[in-house]
Amino acid sequence: MLAIKRQALATAKRALLSTNALSAIATRAASRAHYSKLCKSSDEAIEGIKSGDKLLIGGFGLCGIPENLLKAIARRKDIQQLTAVSNNAGTADYGLGTLLQSRQIKRMISSYVGENQEFARQYLGGELEVELLPQGTISERVRCGGAGIPGFYTLTGVGTQVETGGIPIKYGKDGKILIGSEPRETKVFNGRKYLLEEGIVGDYALVKAWKGDELGNLVFKYAASNFNAPMATAGKITVAEVEEIVPVGELKPDEIHIPGIHVHRILKGEVYEKRIERLTLRRTAEEEGNLPESMKQRIHIIKRAAREFKDGMYANLGIGMPVLASNYIDPNITVHLQSENGILGMGPFPTPEEVDADLVNAGKESVTVLPGGTCFSSDVSFGMIRGNRLDMTILGGMQVSSNGDLSNWVVPGKIIKGMGGAMDLVAAPKSFVVVAMTHNAKNGEPKILKKNTLPLTGVKCVDRIITDKCVFDVIPDKGLLLRELSYGHTVDEIRACTDSDFAVASDVAETY
C-alpha cells in the first residue's frame, strides 16, 4: 500500500514538473518572439558603415544582389574608400556598378570584370584597385573566414600568376603597374603543389534572400543562393534584405539555408526590380537558320562539342559559346549540367513563360532547371569542382599550347575578363577538359601555339581542342594529335593555320 502511495506521489510530481517545464518553454518562446532584428528601412539597416570598411556583397551578376542596401549606400556620399568583395560589380548602371559610378569604392576583390565597361575603364585607367582572384578561391576564402579558418591550400592557380604574383591591382595613368599581387606560399601534398590562400572576413556583409523571419533565419530561391550564403556567415555584422518577412516559426527548421545566428539585421526591401543581366530565350529552328554567319560558326563548333557528352555524365559548361551545348545534347541520354554559380541539372534556355530572375547560369543568362535538378551556394559548387565530382568541363579559349596550357582570361592592358571559375575548373585533376573555340583569331592569327603568349589559366590542363576546322587531342608529353576534320577542311590547311606542330591520326576523317 505504501509503495502504491509513493508511486502516485512520484507521478504527480512528474506531472507538475512537466507542466512547469511546458510553461517555462512557452514563456521563453513568447519572449523570443518579441525579440526582433528587423529594421524599418535600408537606411537604418546600413547605419554604422563608414569610409574604409570592407563589405562582402552577395549576388552573382544581378542575380540575388541586395538592391536596396546598395542604393542606401549610394545615397550616403560620406561613405568612401570602400573595399568591396563580390564576384563582379554588377552592370555599369545597377548593383555595385552604381557605387563605382559614384566613386565610393577604392578596391574591388572580384573574379570577373565581364561586360561592365565602367569597371574595366576605371581599372585600366588607374582609378580603381582590382584584386582579381579565381571565383572558387573567393568563395572558399569567405567560407573559411566565416568558419574561423585562417587559410587553406588549393590547386587552383598553380603555375599561373596567382602563384607567382604580379597580377595588376592598380595601374598608373601611364599604364604602368603600381601595385601587383603578391606571390603565394606553396606546399606539396601527395606529390602535388598547392597554394596557400587566406580567409576573408568583412566589416559588414550585405546579402539578399527570398524569405526571412525576425530572428534572421534566411531562405534563398534557386540560384540566388550563390555568394549570399557564404558571405552571410563572414561579416562581423551581417545585414540581410529579403522579399518577404514571415512570422517566427513559419519557416520549417529543415528548410532554412542560413540560421539567424549569422544575421544581425534584417529588412524587407522597399522595391525590387530584379533585373536579368542577359535575358536569353530558347531559339526555334527557324530562328537558328536566320542567324549571322559568325553565330552559325559558333553553333557549328558547339554542336561538335555536344557529341562529347556521355550518358550519366556530370559536366560544367563555361560562359559564352560552351553554354550553348546544353541545347544540343542527344535527347536519348541524360547529362547533369553544373553551373558554378550554384546549379546542378541545368536545362536549356527558357521560353518567355519560364523566365525567372533567380535562375541564371554562370554567364548571367536566363536558364531552366530540369526535374531532379538542385540549387546551392557558390562555396558548395566549387567544393564539387575541387572534389573531382565532374566528369568533363567545356571552356572557351584565347590560346592553347601544344602541351595543353590554356589562356582565356586576360589580354594585358586591353581585355580584362577575369578568370571567373575557369582556373578552378581546369585544376580539377580528374575532369576531362575540352576547349571549344575558333581556330584563328579575327585577324587570322593562330590560337593554337607552340607556347602561349598570354597569361595562363592553367598548365597542361587541356585534353581536347574543338575548333571550326578540326579536333585535336593533347597527348601528355607528346603534343597534339589531329583526330578529326570539319567538312571541307584538309590536313594541309590545318598545318598552314596552326602555329604548333602536330601528328595526324591514322583514321583522321571529315566527321562534322
Protein backbone atom coordinates (compact mmCIF):
# COMPACT_ATOMS: atom_id res chain seq x y z
CA MET A 1 0.00 0.00 0.00
CA LEU A 2 2.85 2.37 0.95
CA ALA A 3 4.59 1.58 -2.32
CA ILE A 4 1.43 2.46 -4.28
CA LYS A 5 1.16 5.82 -2.48
CA ARG A 6 4.82 6.60 -3.20
CA GLN A 7 4.34 5.75 -6.86
CA ALA A 8 1.27 8.00 -7.08
CA LEU A 9 3.16 10.87 -5.42
CA ALA A 10 6.07 10.49 -7.83
CA THR A 11 3.67 10.53 -10.79
CA ALA A 12 2.04 13.72 -9.51
CA LYS A 13 5.45 15.39 -9.09
CA ARG A 14 6.43 14.46 -12.62
CA ALA A 15 3.17 15.88 -13.95
CA LEU A 16 3.76 19.12 -12.04
CA LEU A 17 7.33 19.37 -13.30
CA SER A 18 6.14 18.68 -16.86
CA THR A 19 3.51 21.41 -16.57
CA ASN A 20 6.07 23.87 -15.18
CA ALA A 21 8.56 22.97 -17.89
CA LEU A 22 5.99 23.50 -20.62
CA SER A 23 5.01 26.82 -19.06
CA ALA A 24 8.67 27.91 -18.97
CA ILE A 25 9.17 26.90 -22.61
CA ALA A 26 6.03 28.82 -23.60
CA THR A 27 7.27 31.88 -21.70
CA ARG A 28 10.67 31.73 -23.39
CA ALA A 29 9.06 31.27 -26.79
CA ALA A 30 6.82 34.28 -26.21
CA SER A 31 9.72 36.48 -25.16
CA ARG A 32 11.79 35.19 -28.08
CA ALA A 33 9.02 36.10 -30.48
CA HIS A 34 9.15 39.69 -29.25
CA TYR A 35 12.90 39.94 -29.83
CA SER A 36 13.49 41.29 -33.33
CA LYS A 37 16.41 42.11 -35.64
CA LEU A 38 14.01 43.83 -38.00
CA CYS A 39 14.99 47.22 -39.44
CA LYS A 40 12.38 49.67 -40.71
CA SER A 41 14.36 50.81 -43.74
CA SER A 42 17.51 50.16 -45.73
CA ASP A 43 18.92 53.47 -44.45
CA GLU A 44 18.54 52.21 -40.87
CA ALA A 45 19.99 48.83 -41.82
CA ILE A 46 23.31 50.28 -43.07
CA GLU A 47 23.90 52.50 -40.04
CA GLY A 48 27.49 52.14 -38.82
CA ILE A 49 29.06 51.53 -42.23
CA LYS A 50 31.87 54.03 -42.61
CA SER A 51 34.59 55.02 -45.04
CA GLY A 52 37.35 52.44 -45.39
CA ASP A 53 35.19 49.45 -44.42
CA LYS A 54 35.40 46.08 -46.15
CA LEU A 55 31.97 45.00 -47.46
CA LEU A 56 31.07 41.46 -48.53
CA ILE A 57 28.36 41.80 -51.19
CA GLY A 58 26.18 38.81 -52.06
CA GLY A 59 24.81 38.08 -55.50
CA PHE A 60 26.10 36.91 -58.87
CA GLY A 61 25.88 39.47 -61.64
CA LEU A 62 22.47 40.97 -60.89
CA CYS A 63 21.01 37.73 -59.53
CA GLY A 64 20.36 37.90 -55.80
CA ILE A 65 22.02 41.27 -55.19
CA PRO A 66 20.98 43.35 -52.14
CA GLU A 67 19.45 46.05 -54.34
CA ASN A 68 18.04 48.26 -51.60
CA LEU A 69 21.10 48.17 -49.36
CA LEU A 70 23.34 49.16 -52.28
CA LYS A 71 21.02 52.06 -53.13
CA ALA A 72 21.15 53.18 -49.50
CA ILE A 73 24.98 53.25 -49.56
CA ALA A 74 24.90 55.15 -52.85
CA ARG A 75 22.82 57.84 -51.11
CA ARG A 76 25.48 58.21 -48.41
CA LYS A 77 28.16 60.24 -50.17
CA ASP A 78 30.06 60.46 -46.87
CA ILE A 79 30.88 56.73 -47.15
CA GLN A 80 34.03 56.49 -49.29
CA GLN A 81 37.16 54.39 -49.87
CA LEU A 82 35.29 51.08 -49.54
CA THR A 83 36.74 47.65 -50.28
CA ALA A 84 34.04 45.52 -51.90
CA VAL A 85 34.32 41.72 -52.05
CA SER A 86 31.98 40.44 -54.75
CA ASN A 87 32.20 38.06 -57.67
CA ASN A 88 31.79 41.02 -60.02
CA ALA A 89 30.45 44.59 -59.92
CA GLY A 90 27.03 44.23 -61.49
CA THR A 91 26.45 46.42 -64.54
CA ALA A 92 27.58 49.97 -65.19
CA ASP A 93 24.19 51.34 -64.12
CA TYR A 94 22.98 48.87 -61.49
CA GLY A 95 24.05 46.96 -58.41
CA LEU A 96 27.63 47.56 -57.32
CA GLY A 97 28.16 49.43 -60.57
CA THR A 98 26.36 52.43 -59.09
CA LEU A 99 28.97 52.63 -56.31
CA LEU A 100 31.70 52.57 -58.94
CA GLN A 101 29.96 55.41 -60.75
CA SER A 102 29.80 57.45 -57.53
CA ARG A 103 33.49 56.68 -56.81
CA GLN A 104 32.72 55.23 -53.37
CA ILE A 105 34.82 52.09 -53.94
CA LYS A 106 38.60 52.12 -53.63
CA ARG A 107 39.25 48.39 -54.20
CA MET A 108 37.28 45.53 -55.71
CA ILE A 109 38.13 41.93 -54.80
CA SER A 110 36.47 40.00 -57.62
CA SER A 111 36.85 37.17 -60.09
CA TYR A 112 35.19 38.70 -63.12
CA VAL A 113 35.03 42.10 -64.81
CA GLY A 114 32.97 40.83 -67.69
CA GLU A 115 30.97 43.29 -69.77
CA ASN A 116 30.95 46.10 -67.18
CA GLN A 117 32.77 48.71 -69.27
CA GLU A 118 32.94 51.24 -66.42
CA PHE A 119 34.58 48.64 -64.18
CA ALA A 120 37.18 47.91 -66.88
CA ARG A 121 37.70 51.59 -67.67
CA GLN A 122 38.37 52.61 -64.06
CA TYR A 123 40.69 49.63 -63.57
CA LEU A 124 42.76 50.14 -66.73
CA GLY A 125 42.77 53.91 -66.17
CA GLY A 126 44.30 53.63 -62.72
CA GLU A 127 41.19 54.96 -60.94
CA LEU A 128 40.31 51.71 -59.16
CA GLU A 129 42.27 48.97 -57.41
CA VAL A 130 41.14 45.50 -58.50
CA GLU A 131 42.33 42.30 -56.86
CA LEU A 132 41.40 39.53 -59.30
CA LEU A 133 41.07 36.02 -57.84
CA PRO A 134 39.60 32.73 -59.05
CA GLN A 135 35.91 32.51 -58.29
CA GLY A 136 36.17 29.34 -56.23
CA THR A 137 39.07 30.81 -54.27
CA ILE A 138 36.95 33.83 -53.31
CA SER A 139 34.00 31.71 -52.22
CA GLU A 140 36.24 29.40 -50.15
CA ARG A 141 38.19 32.29 -48.62
CA VAL A 142 34.90 33.81 -47.49
CA ARG A 143 33.58 30.46 -46.24
CA CYS A 144 36.77 29.95 -44.24
CA GLY A 145 36.54 33.47 -42.84
CA GLY A 146 33.04 32.73 -41.61
CA ALA A 147 34.12 29.40 -40.13
CA GLY A 148 37.11 30.81 -38.24
CA ILE A 149 39.62 29.07 -40.52
CA PRO A 150 42.61 31.35 -41.22
CA GLY A 151 43.62 29.75 -44.52
CA PHE A 152 43.55 26.72 -46.82
CA TYR A 153 45.60 25.10 -49.59
CA THR A 154 44.27 24.75 -53.12
CA LEU A 155 45.39 23.50 -56.54
CA THR A 156 43.66 26.45 -58.20
CA GLY A 157 46.13 28.84 -59.81
CA VAL A 158 49.22 26.65 -59.55
CA GLY A 159 51.62 27.57 -62.36
CA THR A 160 49.83 30.85 -63.11
CA GLN A 161 50.29 34.44 -61.99
CA VAL A 162 48.10 33.67 -59.00
CA GLU A 163 51.06 31.65 -57.71
CA THR A 164 53.94 33.82 -58.92
CA GLY A 165 52.31 37.20 -58.28
CA GLY A 166 52.33 40.30 -60.42
CA ILE A 167 48.67 40.39 -61.47
CA PRO A 168 47.99 44.14 -61.76
CA ILE A 169 45.98 45.52 -58.84
CA LYS A 170 46.48 49.20 -59.65
CA TYR A 171 47.69 50.86 -62.84
CA GLY A 172 49.27 54.29 -63.11
CA LYS A 173 47.93 56.89 -65.51
CA ASP A 174 50.71 55.88 -67.92
CA GLY A 175 49.60 52.23 -67.86
CA LYS A 176 52.46 51.02 -65.68
CA ILE A 177 51.67 48.67 -62.81
CA LEU A 178 51.82 50.47 -59.46
CA ILE A 179 50.56 47.60 -57.30
CA GLY A 180 50.80 43.92 -58.19
CA SER A 181 49.52 40.81 -56.46
CA GLU A 182 51.82 39.04 -54.02
CA PRO A 183 53.24 35.53 -54.69
CA ARG A 184 51.54 32.70 -52.82
CA GLU A 185 53.20 30.42 -50.31
CA THR A 186 53.20 26.84 -51.59
CA LYS A 187 53.32 23.38 -50.09
CA VAL A 188 53.45 19.88 -51.60
CA PHE A 189 50.82 17.30 -50.61
CA ASN A 190 50.89 13.79 -52.10
CA GLY A 191 53.34 14.91 -54.77
CA ARG A 192 51.32 17.94 -55.94
CA LYS A 193 51.90 21.63 -55.31
CA TYR A 194 49.19 23.66 -53.59
CA LEU A 195 48.81 27.39 -52.92
CA LEU A 196 48.00 28.90 -49.53
CA GLU A 197 45.01 31.26 -49.54
CA GLU A 198 43.81 33.26 -46.52
CA GLY A 199 40.27 33.50 -45.19
CA ILE A 200 38.28 36.71 -45.70
CA VAL A 201 36.16 38.44 -43.04
CA GLY A 202 34.22 41.63 -43.77
CA ASP A 203 33.31 44.53 -41.53
CA TYR A 204 29.81 44.15 -42.95
CA ALA A 205 28.15 41.52 -45.14
CA LEU A 206 25.21 42.69 -47.25
CA VAL A 207 23.13 39.81 -48.57
CA LYS A 208 19.79 39.17 -50.22
CA ALA A 209 17.36 36.31 -49.51
CA TRP A 210 13.90 35.31 -50.66
CA LYS A 211 12.32 34.88 -47.23
CA GLY A 212 13.40 35.61 -43.67
CA ASP A 213 11.96 35.94 -40.18
CA GLU A 214 12.65 38.45 -37.41
CA LEU A 215 15.28 36.15 -35.91
CA GLY A 216 17.31 36.41 -39.13
CA ASN A 217 16.71 32.89 -40.46
CA LEU A 218 17.05 33.01 -44.26
CA VAL A 219 15.81 31.03 -47.25
CA PHE A 220 17.20 31.60 -50.77
CA LYS A 221 15.42 30.95 -54.05
CA TYR A 222 17.00 28.90 -56.84
CA ALA A 223 20.43 30.18 -57.96
CA ALA A 224 20.18 33.34 -55.82
CA SER A 225 21.96 31.46 -53.02
CA ASN A 226 25.27 31.93 -54.91
CA PHE A 227 27.67 34.10 -52.86
CA ASN A 228 24.92 35.19 -50.48
CA ALA A 229 25.16 32.07 -48.33
CA PRO A 230 28.91 32.09 -47.54
CA MET A 231 29.04 35.88 -47.20
CA ALA A 232 26.20 35.85 -44.69
CA THR A 233 28.48 33.90 -42.35
CA ALA A 234 31.61 36.05 -42.78
CA GLY A 235 30.53 39.54 -41.80
CA LYS A 236 31.29 40.98 -38.38
CA ILE A 237 27.83 42.47 -38.90
CA THR A 238 25.57 40.78 -41.45
CA VAL A 239 22.63 42.70 -42.91
CA ALA A 240 20.04 40.73 -44.90
CA GLU A 241 17.35 42.16 -47.09
CA VAL A 242 14.50 39.85 -48.08
CA GLU A 243 11.48 39.89 -50.33
CA GLU A 244 9.20 38.58 -47.61
CA ILE A 245 9.27 38.68 -43.81
CA VAL A 246 7.40 35.73 -42.30
CA PRO A 247 6.41 35.10 -38.66
CA VAL A 248 8.88 33.28 -36.43
CA GLY A 249 8.10 29.57 -36.70
CA GLU A 250 6.68 29.66 -40.22
CA LEU A 251 9.98 28.57 -41.78
CA LYS A 252 10.49 24.88 -41.14
CA PRO A 253 13.80 24.14 -39.40
CA ASP A 254 14.99 21.86 -42.19
CA GLU A 255 14.30 24.37 -44.99
CA ILE A 256 16.33 27.25 -43.51
CA HIS A 257 19.55 27.83 -45.50
CA ILE A 258 21.25 30.32 -43.15
CA PRO A 259 20.37 30.22 -39.42
CA GLY A 260 19.75 33.54 -37.72
CA ILE A 261 22.88 33.27 -35.56
CA HIS A 262 24.79 34.71 -38.53
CA VAL A 263 22.40 37.60 -39.21
CA HIS A 264 22.39 40.79 -37.14
CA ARG A 265 19.88 42.92 -39.06
CA ILE A 266 17.08 42.10 -41.46
CA LEU A 267 14.65 44.17 -43.51
CA LYS A 268 12.07 43.74 -46.19
CA GLY A 269 13.42 45.51 -49.26
CA GLU A 270 11.45 48.60 -50.24
CA VAL A 271 11.40 48.00 -54.02
CA TYR A 272 12.69 45.14 -56.17
CA GLU A 273 13.46 45.39 -59.87
CA LYS A 274 15.24 42.01 -60.04
CA ARG A 275 16.84 42.77 -63.38
CA ILE A 276 18.18 39.98 -65.58
CA GLU A 277 21.60 40.87 -66.93
CA ARG A 278 21.32 38.72 -70.05
CA LEU A 279 17.78 37.68 -70.88
CA THR A 280 18.32 34.71 -73.20
CA LEU A 281 15.44 32.72 -74.70
CA ARG A 282 15.27 29.38 -76.46
CA ARG A 283 15.55 29.68 -80.24
CA THR A 284 13.34 27.93 -82.73
CA ALA A 285 14.85 26.06 -85.68
CA GLU A 286 13.70 28.89 -87.96
CA GLU A 287 15.44 31.49 -85.78
CA GLU A 288 18.68 29.50 -85.85
CA GLY A 289 18.54 29.41 -89.64
CA ASN A 290 18.44 33.20 -89.78
CA LEU A 291 21.44 33.79 -87.51
CA PRO A 292 24.50 35.72 -88.81
CA GLU A 293 27.41 33.66 -90.12
CA SER A 294 29.58 34.34 -87.05
CA MET A 295 26.90 32.83 -84.82
CA LYS A 296 26.40 29.87 -87.16
CA GLN A 297 30.15 29.22 -86.88
CA ARG A 298 29.88 29.13 -83.08
CA ILE A 299 26.94 26.74 -83.25
CA HIS A 300 28.86 24.51 -85.67
CA ILE A 301 31.68 24.25 -83.10
CA ILE A 302 29.39 23.66 -80.17
CA LYS A 303 27.30 21.01 -81.91
CA ARG A 304 30.52 19.03 -82.31
CA ALA A 305 31.41 19.69 -78.67
CA ALA A 306 27.99 18.39 -77.60
CA ARG A 307 28.95 14.99 -79.03
CA GLU A 308 31.42 14.69 -76.12
CA PHE A 309 28.56 14.15 -73.67
CA LYS A 310 28.04 10.60 -72.43
CA ASP A 311 25.02 9.13 -70.69
CA GLY A 312 25.05 9.85 -66.95
CA MET A 313 27.89 12.36 -67.18
CA TYR A 314 28.29 15.33 -64.81
CA ALA A 315 29.65 18.28 -66.78
CA ASN A 316 30.29 22.01 -66.46
CA LEU A 317 29.84 24.48 -69.31
CA GLY A 318 31.88 27.68 -69.36
CA ILE A 319 30.41 31.05 -70.22
CA GLY A 320 29.95 32.18 -73.80
CA MET A 321 29.96 29.60 -76.55
CA PRO A 322 30.28 26.46 -74.36
CA VAL A 323 26.99 27.06 -72.54
CA LEU A 324 25.18 26.71 -75.89
CA ALA A 325 25.99 23.00 -75.76
CA SER A 326 23.07 22.49 -73.37
CA ASN A 327 20.73 23.00 -76.35
CA TYR A 328 22.31 20.20 -78.44
CA ILE A 329 22.52 17.23 -76.07
CA ASP A 330 21.36 13.94 -77.59
CA PRO A 331 17.77 13.51 -76.31
CA ASN A 332 18.44 9.80 -75.76
CA ILE A 333 20.98 10.39 -72.99
CA THR A 334 20.94 12.03 -69.56
CA VAL A 335 23.60 14.63 -68.79
CA HIS A 336 23.75 16.51 -65.49
CA LEU A 337 24.98 20.04 -66.26
CA GLN A 338 26.60 22.00 -63.45
CA SER A 339 26.87 25.79 -63.37
CA GLU A 340 29.43 27.12 -60.90
CA ASN A 341 27.09 29.80 -59.57
CA GLY A 342 25.06 27.02 -57.96
CA ILE A 343 23.00 24.77 -60.27
CA LEU A 344 23.14 21.04 -60.94
CA GLY A 345 20.69 19.75 -63.52
CA MET A 346 20.70 22.91 -65.65
CA GLY A 347 18.39 22.80 -68.65
CA PRO A 348 18.19 24.80 -71.90
CA PHE A 349 17.38 28.48 -72.20
CA PRO A 350 13.78 29.24 -71.17
CA THR A 351 10.70 30.17 -73.14
CA PRO A 352 9.30 33.63 -72.25
CA GLU A 353 6.88 31.95 -69.82
CA GLU A 354 9.70 30.13 -67.97
CA VAL A 355 11.95 33.14 -67.29
CA ASP A 356 12.87 33.65 -63.62
CA ALA A 357 15.29 36.34 -62.42
CA ASP A 358 16.56 33.98 -59.71
CA LEU A 359 17.59 31.37 -62.26
CA VAL A 360 20.67 32.30 -64.29
CA ASN A 361 23.81 30.46 -65.39
CA ALA A 362 27.47 31.40 -64.93
CA GLY A 363 27.20 33.77 -67.91
CA LYS A 364 24.30 35.61 -66.17
CA GLU A 365 21.92 34.26 -68.82
CA SER A 366 18.39 33.11 -68.00
CA VAL A 367 18.16 29.29 -67.88
CA THR A 368 15.93 26.46 -66.70
CA VAL A 369 16.41 23.59 -64.26
CA LEU A 370 15.39 20.07 -65.23
CA PRO A 371 13.32 17.77 -63.00
CA GLY A 372 15.64 16.41 -60.30
CA GLY A 373 17.91 19.46 -60.52
CA THR A 374 19.20 21.24 -57.43
CA CYS A 375 20.43 24.71 -56.47
CA PHE A 376 23.07 25.57 -53.87
CA SER A 377 25.65 28.16 -52.86
CA SER A 378 28.90 29.02 -54.66
CA ASP A 379 31.12 27.50 -51.95
CA VAL A 380 29.24 24.19 -52.24
CA SER A 381 29.51 24.38 -56.02
CA PHE A 382 33.28 24.78 -56.00
CA GLY A 383 33.56 22.04 -53.42
CA MET A 384 32.10 19.74 -56.09
CA ILE A 385 34.61 21.04 -58.62
CA ARG A 386 37.70 20.80 -56.39
CA GLY A 387 36.45 17.48 -55.08
CA ASN A 388 36.66 15.90 -58.57
CA ARG A 389 32.93 15.28 -58.91
CA LEU A 390 32.79 16.49 -62.54
CA ASP A 391 33.49 14.19 -65.47
CA MET A 392 34.02 16.95 -68.02
CA THR A 393 34.40 20.71 -68.45
CA ILE A 394 33.89 22.61 -71.72
CA LEU A 395 35.54 26.04 -71.83
CA GLY A 396 36.29 28.77 -74.32
CA GLY A 397 39.86 29.75 -75.10
CA MET A 398 42.05 32.56 -76.38
CA GLN A 399 45.14 30.37 -76.75
CA VAL A 400 46.06 26.71 -76.23
CA SER A 401 49.61 25.40 -76.44
CA SER A 402 50.80 22.06 -77.80
CA ASN A 403 51.23 20.74 -74.24
CA GLY A 404 47.72 21.80 -73.15
CA ASP A 405 48.37 25.14 -71.45
CA LEU A 406 45.25 27.33 -71.57
CA SER A 407 44.88 31.14 -71.69
CA ASN A 408 41.39 32.58 -71.63
CA TRP A 409 41.04 35.37 -69.07
CA VAL A 410 43.08 38.44 -70.00
CA VAL A 411 44.93 40.33 -72.72
CA PRO A 412 47.17 42.54 -70.56
CA GLY A 413 46.29 46.21 -70.75
CA LYS A 414 43.50 45.60 -73.29
CA ILE A 415 40.90 42.95 -72.45
CA ILE A 416 40.18 42.20 -68.80
CA LYS A 417 37.64 39.43 -68.48
CA GLY A 418 38.83 37.98 -65.20
CA MET A 419 39.42 34.32 -64.51
CA GLY A 420 35.94 33.60 -63.13
CA GLY A 421 35.69 29.92 -62.31
CA ALA A 422 37.94 28.72 -65.14
CA MET A 423 41.09 28.31 -63.04
CA ASP A 424 39.17 26.18 -60.54
CA LEU A 425 37.64 24.03 -63.26
CA VAL A 426 40.90 23.23 -65.07
CA ALA A 427 42.69 22.50 -61.78
CA ALA A 428 40.44 19.52 -61.01
CA PRO A 429 42.74 16.58 -61.84
CA LYS A 430 40.12 14.04 -62.97
CA SER A 431 37.88 16.26 -65.11
CA PHE A 432 38.25 15.88 -68.90
CA VAL A 433 38.86 19.44 -70.17
CA VAL A 434 37.57 20.38 -73.63
CA VAL A 435 38.30 23.79 -75.16
CA ALA A 436 35.83 24.93 -77.82
CA MET A 437 37.00 27.95 -79.82
CA THR A 438 37.55 29.32 -83.30
CA HIS A 439 40.75 28.03 -84.86
CA ASN A 440 42.06 31.52 -85.58
CA ALA A 441 41.52 34.99 -84.13
CA LYS A 442 39.55 37.62 -86.04
CA ASN A 443 42.80 38.96 -87.51
CA GLY A 444 43.73 35.47 -88.71
CA GLU A 445 46.42 34.81 -86.11
CA PRO A 446 46.59 31.21 -84.86
CA LYS A 447 45.18 30.43 -81.42
CA ILE A 448 46.86 27.01 -81.18
CA LEU A 449 50.53 27.70 -80.45
CA LYS A 450 53.83 26.11 -79.53
CA LYS A 451 53.79 28.30 -76.41
CA ASN A 452 51.17 30.69 -75.07
CA THR A 453 51.94 34.40 -75.16
CA LEU A 454 49.06 35.38 -72.83
CA PRO A 455 48.89 34.80 -69.05
CA LEU A 456 47.88 31.24 -68.22
CA THR A 457 44.59 29.97 -66.86
CA GLY A 458 46.02 26.50 -66.29
CA VAL A 459 49.13 24.44 -67.02
CA LYS A 460 48.92 21.20 -69.03
CA CYS A 461 45.21 21.07 -68.35
CA VAL A 462 43.53 20.75 -71.78
CA ASP A 463 42.65 17.26 -73.06
CA ARG A 464 40.82 18.09 -76.30
CA ILE A 465 40.54 21.14 -78.60
CA ILE A 466 37.47 21.54 -80.83
CA THR A 467 37.51 24.33 -83.42
CA ASP A 468 35.53 25.24 -86.52
CA LYS A 469 38.16 23.37 -88.57
CA CYS A 470 39.27 20.30 -86.63
CA VAL A 471 39.61 18.35 -83.39
CA PHE A 472 42.96 17.90 -81.63
CA ASP A 473 43.77 15.68 -78.69
CA VAL A 474 46.57 16.75 -76.36
CA ILE A 475 48.73 13.70 -75.69
CA PRO A 476 50.75 14.08 -72.45
CA ASP A 477 54.47 14.58 -73.11
CA LYS A 478 53.95 14.13 -76.86
CA GLY A 479 51.91 17.08 -78.11
CA LEU A 480 48.94 17.44 -80.43
CA LEU A 481 47.23 14.67 -82.39
CA LEU A 482 44.82 15.63 -85.17
CA ARG A 483 41.76 13.44 -84.62
CA GLU A 484 39.02 14.84 -86.88
CA LEU A 485 38.45 17.35 -89.65
CA SER A 486 35.44 19.56 -90.15
CA TYR A 487 33.78 19.15 -93.54
CA GLY A 488 35.69 20.90 -96.34
CA HIS A 489 38.98 21.23 -94.47
CA THR A 490 42.22 19.38 -95.18
CA VAL A 491 45.30 18.40 -93.19
CA ASP A 492 47.44 20.78 -95.25
CA GLU A 493 45.08 23.66 -94.48
CA ILE A 494 45.24 22.87 -90.76
CA ARG A 495 49.05 22.89 -90.88
CA ALA A 496 49.00 26.29 -92.57
CA CYS A 497 46.78 27.95 -89.93
CA THR A 498 48.23 26.28 -86.81
CA ASP A 499 51.37 27.58 -85.11
CA SER A 500 52.19 24.28 -83.41
CA ASP A 501 53.41 21.02 -84.89
CA PHE A 502 51.08 18.04 -84.62
CA ALA A 503 50.77 14.38 -85.51
CA VAL A 504 47.90 13.03 -87.61
CA ALA A 505 45.77 10.08 -86.52
CA SER A 506 45.79 7.16 -88.98
CA ASP A 507 41.99 7.27 -89.21
CA VAL A 508 41.56 11.06 -89.44
CA ALA A 509 38.49 11.94 -91.49
CA GLU A 510 35.84 14.63 -92.02
CA THR A 511 33.29 13.98 -89.28
CA TYR A 512 31.39 17.23 -88.62
